[in-house]
N, C-alpha and C. Protein backbone atom coordinates (compact mmCIF):
# COMPACT_ATOMS: atom_id res chain seq x y z
N MET A 1 -21.06 -11.69 30.77
CA MET A 1 -21.54 -10.68 29.86
C MET A 1 -20.69 -10.72 28.59
N GLU A 2 -21.34 -10.49 27.42
CA GLU A 2 -20.64 -10.55 26.14
C GLU A 2 -20.95 -9.31 25.31
N LYS A 3 -20.08 -9.09 24.33
CA LYS A 3 -20.33 -8.04 23.35
C LYS A 3 -19.97 -8.58 21.98
N THR A 4 -20.51 -7.94 20.95
CA THR A 4 -20.25 -8.33 19.58
C THR A 4 -19.28 -7.33 18.96
N LEU A 5 -18.25 -7.84 18.31
CA LEU A 5 -17.25 -6.95 17.70
C LEU A 5 -17.68 -6.42 16.34
N GLY A 6 -18.50 -7.18 15.62
CA GLY A 6 -18.90 -6.73 14.30
C GLY A 6 -20.20 -7.34 13.84
N LEU A 7 -20.79 -6.73 12.82
CA LEU A 7 -22.01 -7.23 12.21
C LEU A 7 -21.75 -7.45 10.72
N HIS A 8 -22.16 -8.61 10.23
CA HIS A 8 -21.91 -9.01 8.84
C HIS A 8 -23.25 -9.28 8.17
N ILE A 9 -23.53 -8.56 7.09
CA ILE A 9 -24.74 -8.80 6.31
C ILE A 9 -24.31 -9.30 4.93
N ILE A 10 -24.82 -10.45 4.57
CA ILE A 10 -24.60 -11.03 3.24
C ILE A 10 -25.96 -11.03 2.56
N ALA A 11 -26.05 -10.42 1.39
CA ALA A 11 -27.34 -10.29 0.73
C ALA A 11 -27.25 -10.70 -0.74
N ASP A 12 -28.26 -11.44 -1.17
CA ASP A 12 -28.46 -11.78 -2.57
C ASP A 12 -29.61 -10.92 -3.07
N LEU A 13 -29.34 -10.09 -4.06
CA LEU A 13 -30.35 -9.20 -4.61
C LEU A 13 -30.77 -9.71 -5.99
N TYR A 14 -32.06 -9.98 -6.14
CA TYR A 14 -32.62 -10.51 -7.39
C TYR A 14 -33.55 -9.50 -8.03
N GLY A 15 -33.62 -9.54 -9.34
CA GLY A 15 -34.51 -8.65 -10.05
C GLY A 15 -33.99 -7.22 -10.12
N VAL A 16 -32.68 -7.08 -10.15
CA VAL A 16 -32.05 -5.76 -10.25
C VAL A 16 -31.97 -5.36 -11.73
N ASP A 17 -32.27 -4.12 -12.03
CA ASP A 17 -32.19 -3.60 -13.40
C ASP A 17 -30.78 -3.78 -13.96
N PHE A 18 -30.70 -4.36 -15.15
CA PHE A 18 -29.44 -4.64 -15.84
C PHE A 18 -28.50 -3.44 -15.83
N GLU A 19 -29.01 -2.28 -16.18
CA GLU A 19 -28.17 -1.08 -16.32
C GLU A 19 -27.56 -0.60 -15.00
N LYS A 20 -28.18 -0.95 -13.89
CA LYS A 20 -27.67 -0.49 -12.59
C LYS A 20 -26.44 -1.27 -12.12
N ILE A 21 -26.23 -2.47 -12.69
CA ILE A 21 -25.13 -3.32 -12.19
C ILE A 21 -24.22 -3.86 -13.29
N ASP A 22 -24.36 -3.35 -14.51
CA ASP A 22 -23.53 -3.86 -15.61
C ASP A 22 -22.17 -3.19 -15.69
N HIS A 23 -22.10 -1.90 -15.41
CA HIS A 23 -20.88 -1.14 -15.64
C HIS A 23 -20.14 -0.84 -14.33
N VAL A 24 -18.83 -0.95 -14.39
CA VAL A 24 -18.00 -0.74 -13.21
C VAL A 24 -18.17 0.66 -12.63
N GLU A 25 -18.44 1.65 -13.47
CA GLU A 25 -18.64 3.01 -12.97
C GLU A 25 -19.85 3.09 -12.05
N ASP A 26 -20.93 2.37 -12.42
CA ASP A 26 -22.14 2.37 -11.60
C ASP A 26 -21.94 1.61 -10.29
N VAL A 27 -21.21 0.50 -10.36
CA VAL A 27 -20.91 -0.29 -9.17
C VAL A 27 -20.04 0.53 -8.21
N LYS A 28 -19.08 1.24 -8.77
CA LYS A 28 -18.21 2.10 -7.95
C LYS A 28 -19.03 3.19 -7.28
N ALA A 29 -19.89 3.86 -8.02
CA ALA A 29 -20.73 4.92 -7.46
C ALA A 29 -21.64 4.37 -6.35
N LEU A 30 -22.14 3.15 -6.54
CA LEU A 30 -23.00 2.52 -5.54
C LEU A 30 -22.26 2.30 -4.23
N LEU A 31 -21.10 1.65 -4.30
CA LEU A 31 -20.36 1.36 -3.07
C LEU A 31 -19.83 2.63 -2.40
N GLU A 32 -19.31 3.55 -3.20
CA GLU A 32 -18.82 4.81 -2.63
C GLU A 32 -19.96 5.58 -1.96
N GLY A 33 -21.14 5.53 -2.58
CA GLY A 33 -22.31 6.18 -2.00
C GLY A 33 -22.72 5.55 -0.69
N ALA A 34 -22.65 4.22 -0.61
CA ALA A 34 -23.00 3.51 0.63
C ALA A 34 -22.03 3.88 1.75
N VAL A 35 -20.76 4.00 1.43
CA VAL A 35 -19.76 4.38 2.43
C VAL A 35 -20.07 5.78 2.97
N LYS A 36 -20.37 6.70 2.08
CA LYS A 36 -20.67 8.07 2.48
C LYS A 36 -21.97 8.13 3.30
N TYR A 37 -23.00 7.46 2.83
CA TYR A 37 -24.31 7.45 3.49
C TYR A 37 -24.23 6.90 4.91
N ALA A 38 -23.42 5.84 5.09
CA ALA A 38 -23.30 5.20 6.40
C ALA A 38 -22.21 5.83 7.27
N ASN A 39 -21.53 6.85 6.74
CA ASN A 39 -20.47 7.54 7.47
C ASN A 39 -19.34 6.57 7.87
N LEU A 40 -18.93 5.76 6.90
CA LEU A 40 -17.84 4.81 7.10
C LEU A 40 -16.52 5.45 6.65
N SER A 41 -15.41 4.82 7.00
CA SER A 41 -14.09 5.38 6.71
C SER A 41 -13.36 4.52 5.70
N LYS A 42 -13.29 5.00 4.47
CA LYS A 42 -12.65 4.26 3.37
C LYS A 42 -11.13 4.31 3.49
N LEU A 43 -10.50 3.15 3.32
CA LEU A 43 -9.03 3.07 3.26
C LEU A 43 -8.56 2.95 1.82
N SER A 44 -9.18 2.03 1.07
CA SER A 44 -8.83 1.84 -0.33
C SER A 44 -9.96 1.10 -1.03
N SER A 45 -9.85 1.00 -2.36
CA SER A 45 -10.87 0.28 -3.11
C SER A 45 -10.27 -0.30 -4.39
N HIS A 46 -10.98 -1.28 -4.93
CA HIS A 46 -10.57 -1.87 -6.20
C HIS A 46 -11.83 -2.34 -6.93
N TYR A 47 -11.86 -2.09 -8.24
CA TYR A 47 -13.02 -2.43 -9.06
C TYR A 47 -12.54 -3.10 -10.35
N HIS A 48 -13.43 -3.93 -10.93
CA HIS A 48 -13.08 -4.61 -12.17
C HIS A 48 -14.32 -4.76 -13.05
N GLN A 49 -14.17 -4.48 -14.35
CA GLN A 49 -15.24 -4.65 -15.33
C GLN A 49 -15.08 -6.01 -16.01
N PHE A 50 -16.15 -6.80 -16.03
CA PHE A 50 -16.12 -8.07 -16.76
C PHE A 50 -16.63 -7.87 -18.16
N ASN A 51 -16.23 -8.77 -19.06
CA ASN A 51 -16.65 -8.71 -20.45
C ASN A 51 -17.36 -10.02 -20.79
N PRO A 52 -18.56 -10.03 -21.26
CA PRO A 52 -19.29 -8.89 -21.80
C PRO A 52 -20.11 -8.11 -20.78
N HIS A 53 -20.40 -8.71 -19.59
CA HIS A 53 -21.28 -8.04 -18.63
C HIS A 53 -20.78 -8.23 -17.21
N GLY A 54 -21.12 -7.26 -16.37
CA GLY A 54 -20.91 -7.41 -14.94
C GLY A 54 -19.67 -6.70 -14.43
N ALA A 55 -19.66 -6.54 -13.12
CA ALA A 55 -18.55 -5.86 -12.46
C ALA A 55 -18.42 -6.39 -11.04
N THR A 56 -17.28 -6.12 -10.47
CA THR A 56 -17.03 -6.48 -9.08
C THR A 56 -16.28 -5.33 -8.43
N GLY A 57 -16.43 -5.24 -7.12
CA GLY A 57 -15.71 -4.19 -6.41
C GLY A 57 -15.67 -4.45 -4.93
N VAL A 58 -14.65 -3.89 -4.31
CA VAL A 58 -14.50 -4.01 -2.86
C VAL A 58 -13.93 -2.70 -2.32
N ILE A 59 -14.45 -2.30 -1.17
CA ILE A 59 -13.89 -1.16 -0.46
C ILE A 59 -13.39 -1.66 0.88
N LEU A 60 -12.13 -1.44 1.13
CA LEU A 60 -11.53 -1.75 2.42
C LEU A 60 -11.80 -0.56 3.34
N LEU A 61 -12.40 -0.83 4.48
CA LEU A 61 -12.77 0.21 5.43
C LEU A 61 -11.95 0.10 6.71
N GLU A 62 -11.85 1.18 7.43
CA GLU A 62 -11.29 1.09 8.78
C GLU A 62 -12.15 0.14 9.59
N GLU A 63 -13.45 0.12 9.30
CA GLU A 63 -14.40 -0.72 10.02
C GLU A 63 -14.47 -2.14 9.48
N SER A 64 -13.95 -2.43 8.31
CA SER A 64 -13.84 -3.75 7.68
C SER A 64 -13.98 -3.62 6.17
N HIS A 65 -15.16 -4.02 5.57
CA HIS A 65 -15.24 -3.98 4.11
C HIS A 65 -16.69 -3.99 3.60
N ILE A 66 -16.83 -3.59 2.33
CA ILE A 66 -18.07 -3.71 1.57
C ILE A 66 -17.67 -4.24 0.20
N SER A 67 -18.44 -5.22 -0.32
CA SER A 67 -18.12 -5.73 -1.65
C SER A 67 -19.38 -6.05 -2.43
N ILE A 68 -19.21 -6.14 -3.75
CA ILE A 68 -20.29 -6.49 -4.67
C ILE A 68 -19.72 -7.31 -5.81
N HIS A 69 -20.52 -8.23 -6.30
CA HIS A 69 -20.20 -9.00 -7.51
C HIS A 69 -21.51 -9.14 -8.26
N THR A 70 -21.52 -8.80 -9.56
CA THR A 70 -22.79 -8.73 -10.28
C THR A 70 -22.86 -9.67 -11.48
N TRP A 71 -24.09 -10.10 -11.74
CA TRP A 71 -24.46 -10.86 -12.94
C TRP A 71 -25.67 -10.13 -13.53
N PRO A 72 -25.46 -9.03 -14.26
CA PRO A 72 -26.59 -8.25 -14.76
C PRO A 72 -27.49 -9.04 -15.71
N GLU A 73 -26.93 -9.98 -16.44
CA GLU A 73 -27.75 -10.79 -17.36
C GLU A 73 -28.77 -11.64 -16.60
N HIS A 74 -28.57 -11.82 -15.30
CA HIS A 74 -29.51 -12.54 -14.45
C HIS A 74 -30.22 -11.60 -13.46
N GLY A 75 -29.92 -10.31 -13.53
CA GLY A 75 -30.51 -9.36 -12.60
C GLY A 75 -30.10 -9.61 -11.16
N TYR A 76 -28.87 -10.12 -10.96
CA TYR A 76 -28.43 -10.57 -9.64
C TYR A 76 -27.17 -9.83 -9.19
N ALA A 77 -27.16 -9.48 -7.90
CA ALA A 77 -25.97 -8.87 -7.29
C ALA A 77 -25.75 -9.52 -5.92
N ALA A 78 -24.51 -9.92 -5.66
CA ALA A 78 -24.10 -10.47 -4.37
C ALA A 78 -23.42 -9.35 -3.59
N ILE A 79 -23.95 -9.06 -2.40
CA ILE A 79 -23.47 -7.95 -1.59
C ILE A 79 -22.96 -8.47 -0.26
N ASP A 80 -21.88 -7.86 0.22
CA ASP A 80 -21.28 -8.22 1.50
C ASP A 80 -20.93 -6.93 2.23
N VAL A 81 -21.51 -6.75 3.41
CA VAL A 81 -21.21 -5.57 4.23
C VAL A 81 -20.84 -6.07 5.62
N TYR A 82 -19.61 -5.77 6.04
CA TYR A 82 -19.16 -6.17 7.36
C TYR A 82 -18.48 -4.98 8.02
N THR A 83 -19.00 -4.58 9.18
CA THR A 83 -18.37 -3.48 9.90
C THR A 83 -18.29 -3.80 11.39
N CYS A 84 -17.35 -3.16 12.04
CA CYS A 84 -17.24 -3.24 13.49
C CYS A 84 -17.49 -1.86 14.06
N GLY A 85 -17.72 -1.81 15.33
CA GLY A 85 -17.86 -0.52 15.99
C GLY A 85 -19.26 0.05 15.96
N GLY A 86 -20.25 -0.76 15.70
CA GLY A 86 -21.63 -0.28 15.72
C GLY A 86 -22.45 -0.87 14.59
N LYS A 87 -23.56 -1.47 14.95
CA LYS A 87 -24.43 -2.12 13.96
C LYS A 87 -25.12 -1.12 13.03
N GLU A 88 -25.35 0.08 13.52
CA GLU A 88 -26.11 1.07 12.75
C GLU A 88 -25.48 1.32 11.38
N LYS A 89 -24.17 1.43 11.34
CA LYS A 89 -23.49 1.73 10.07
C LYS A 89 -23.63 0.58 9.08
N THR A 90 -23.62 -0.64 9.58
CA THR A 90 -23.78 -1.81 8.70
C THR A 90 -25.16 -1.77 8.05
N PHE A 91 -26.18 -1.55 8.87
CA PHE A 91 -27.55 -1.50 8.36
C PHE A 91 -27.74 -0.31 7.42
N LYS A 92 -27.14 0.83 7.73
CA LYS A 92 -27.29 2.00 6.86
C LYS A 92 -26.65 1.76 5.49
N ALA A 93 -25.48 1.14 5.47
CA ALA A 93 -24.82 0.86 4.18
C ALA A 93 -25.68 -0.07 3.34
N MET A 94 -26.22 -1.12 3.95
CA MET A 94 -27.07 -2.05 3.20
C MET A 94 -28.36 -1.38 2.77
N GLU A 95 -28.92 -0.54 3.63
CA GLU A 95 -30.14 0.20 3.28
C GLU A 95 -29.91 1.04 2.02
N TYR A 96 -28.79 1.73 1.97
CA TYR A 96 -28.46 2.55 0.80
C TYR A 96 -28.38 1.70 -0.47
N ILE A 97 -27.70 0.57 -0.38
CA ILE A 97 -27.53 -0.30 -1.54
C ILE A 97 -28.88 -0.80 -2.04
N ILE A 98 -29.73 -1.24 -1.13
CA ILE A 98 -31.04 -1.78 -1.53
C ILE A 98 -31.93 -0.68 -2.09
N LYS A 99 -31.93 0.49 -1.45
CA LYS A 99 -32.73 1.61 -1.97
C LYS A 99 -32.27 2.04 -3.35
N THR A 100 -30.98 1.98 -3.60
CA THR A 100 -30.44 2.41 -4.89
C THR A 100 -30.71 1.38 -5.98
N LEU A 101 -30.51 0.11 -5.69
CA LEU A 101 -30.67 -0.94 -6.71
C LEU A 101 -32.11 -1.38 -6.92
N LYS A 102 -32.97 -1.18 -5.91
CA LYS A 102 -34.38 -1.52 -6.00
C LYS A 102 -34.62 -2.96 -6.51
N PRO A 103 -34.04 -3.96 -5.83
CA PRO A 103 -34.27 -5.34 -6.26
C PRO A 103 -35.72 -5.75 -6.02
N LYS A 104 -36.16 -6.76 -6.77
CA LYS A 104 -37.50 -7.30 -6.57
C LYS A 104 -37.52 -8.24 -5.36
N ARG A 105 -36.36 -8.84 -5.05
CA ARG A 105 -36.27 -9.76 -3.91
C ARG A 105 -34.89 -9.64 -3.28
N VAL A 106 -34.86 -9.72 -1.93
CA VAL A 106 -33.62 -9.68 -1.19
C VAL A 106 -33.59 -10.87 -0.24
N ASP A 107 -32.55 -11.68 -0.33
CA ASP A 107 -32.30 -12.75 0.64
C ASP A 107 -31.09 -12.33 1.45
N GLU A 108 -31.29 -12.13 2.76
CA GLU A 108 -30.24 -11.63 3.65
C GLU A 108 -29.90 -12.65 4.73
N LYS A 109 -28.62 -12.69 5.04
CA LYS A 109 -28.14 -13.42 6.20
C LYS A 109 -27.39 -12.40 7.06
N ILE A 110 -27.74 -12.35 8.34
CA ILE A 110 -27.11 -11.41 9.25
C ILE A 110 -26.41 -12.20 10.34
N ALA A 111 -25.13 -11.91 10.53
CA ALA A 111 -24.35 -12.63 11.54
C ALA A 111 -23.62 -11.65 12.44
N GLU A 112 -23.75 -11.88 13.75
CA GLU A 112 -22.92 -11.14 14.69
C GLU A 112 -21.59 -11.86 14.75
N ARG A 113 -20.51 -11.11 14.55
CA ARG A 113 -19.17 -11.70 14.48
C ARG A 113 -18.37 -11.28 15.70
N GLY A 114 -17.56 -12.19 16.19
CA GLY A 114 -16.67 -11.88 17.29
C GLY A 114 -17.41 -11.62 18.59
N VAL A 115 -18.19 -12.59 19.04
CA VAL A 115 -18.87 -12.46 20.32
C VAL A 115 -17.86 -12.81 21.41
N VAL A 116 -17.48 -11.80 22.18
CA VAL A 116 -16.40 -11.95 23.17
C VAL A 116 -16.90 -11.53 24.55
N PRO A 117 -16.26 -12.05 25.61
CA PRO A 117 -16.66 -11.65 26.96
C PRO A 117 -16.28 -10.21 27.24
N VAL A 118 -17.09 -9.57 28.04
CA VAL A 118 -16.81 -8.22 28.53
C VAL A 118 -16.39 -8.36 29.98
N GLU A 119 -15.28 -7.73 30.32
CA GLU A 119 -14.78 -7.80 31.69
C GLU A 119 -15.66 -6.95 32.60
N PRO A 120 -16.32 -7.60 33.56
CA PRO A 120 -17.10 -6.81 34.53
C PRO A 120 -16.17 -5.90 35.32
N GLU A 121 -16.68 -4.74 35.73
CA GLU A 121 -15.87 -3.79 36.48
C GLU A 121 -15.30 -4.43 37.74
N GLY A 122 -14.02 -4.25 37.96
CA GLY A 122 -13.37 -4.74 39.16
C GLY A 122 -13.03 -6.22 39.13
N VAL A 123 -13.24 -6.90 37.99
CA VAL A 123 -12.94 -8.33 37.90
C VAL A 123 -11.70 -8.52 37.04
N ASN A 124 -10.79 -9.33 37.50
CA ASN A 124 -9.59 -9.66 36.75
C ASN A 124 -9.99 -10.65 35.66
N ILE A 125 -9.85 -10.27 34.39
CA ILE A 125 -10.30 -11.09 33.27
C ILE A 125 -9.58 -12.44 33.22
N GLU A 126 -8.29 -12.48 33.56
CA GLU A 126 -7.56 -13.75 33.52
C GLU A 126 -8.12 -14.71 34.56
N LYS A 127 -8.40 -14.22 35.75
CA LYS A 127 -8.99 -15.06 36.80
C LYS A 127 -10.38 -15.52 36.38
N TRP A 128 -11.16 -14.62 35.76
CA TRP A 128 -12.51 -14.94 35.30
C TRP A 128 -12.48 -16.03 34.24
N GLN A 129 -11.52 -15.95 33.30
CA GLN A 129 -11.41 -16.97 32.25
C GLN A 129 -11.04 -18.30 32.84
N MET A 130 -10.16 -18.33 33.85
CA MET A 130 -9.77 -19.59 34.48
C MET A 130 -10.96 -20.23 35.17
N VAL A 131 -11.77 -19.43 35.83
CA VAL A 131 -12.96 -19.94 36.50
C VAL A 131 -13.96 -20.46 35.47
N ALA A 132 -14.12 -19.73 34.35
CA ALA A 132 -15.09 -20.11 33.32
C ALA A 132 -14.72 -21.42 32.65
N THR A 133 -13.43 -21.74 32.55
CA THR A 133 -13.03 -22.97 31.87
C THR A 133 -12.84 -24.14 32.82
N ALA A 134 -12.95 -23.90 34.12
CA ALA A 134 -12.75 -24.97 35.12
C ALA A 134 -13.94 -25.91 35.18
């Protein structure tokens, strides 16, 4: 038996309105809103404004991280949402970002990260691993 430690969604958003992703204040509001909407636990964050256009930002979470990097002149935003402790929060954070930015197209890759064995009740995990590798 196995379990997944985390869910990672990498998304390319195309056709995003220039004004929604050009300024660092808007990017910050977007990520902070996603954290609140998904009920995630923020540890810290960092944002940067590019000149003449675009912004980047990352929020370090107890559950992992959310990040964005934008090219408003191309209507493009690269989004990364990775959380552990439940897939629902990962999907909710991405849902918030997509609903807010309203891209014309979304290309997503979803990966389950850290697929590890679950110790069956009453089984010694070390003995089980030795048997599994024999």
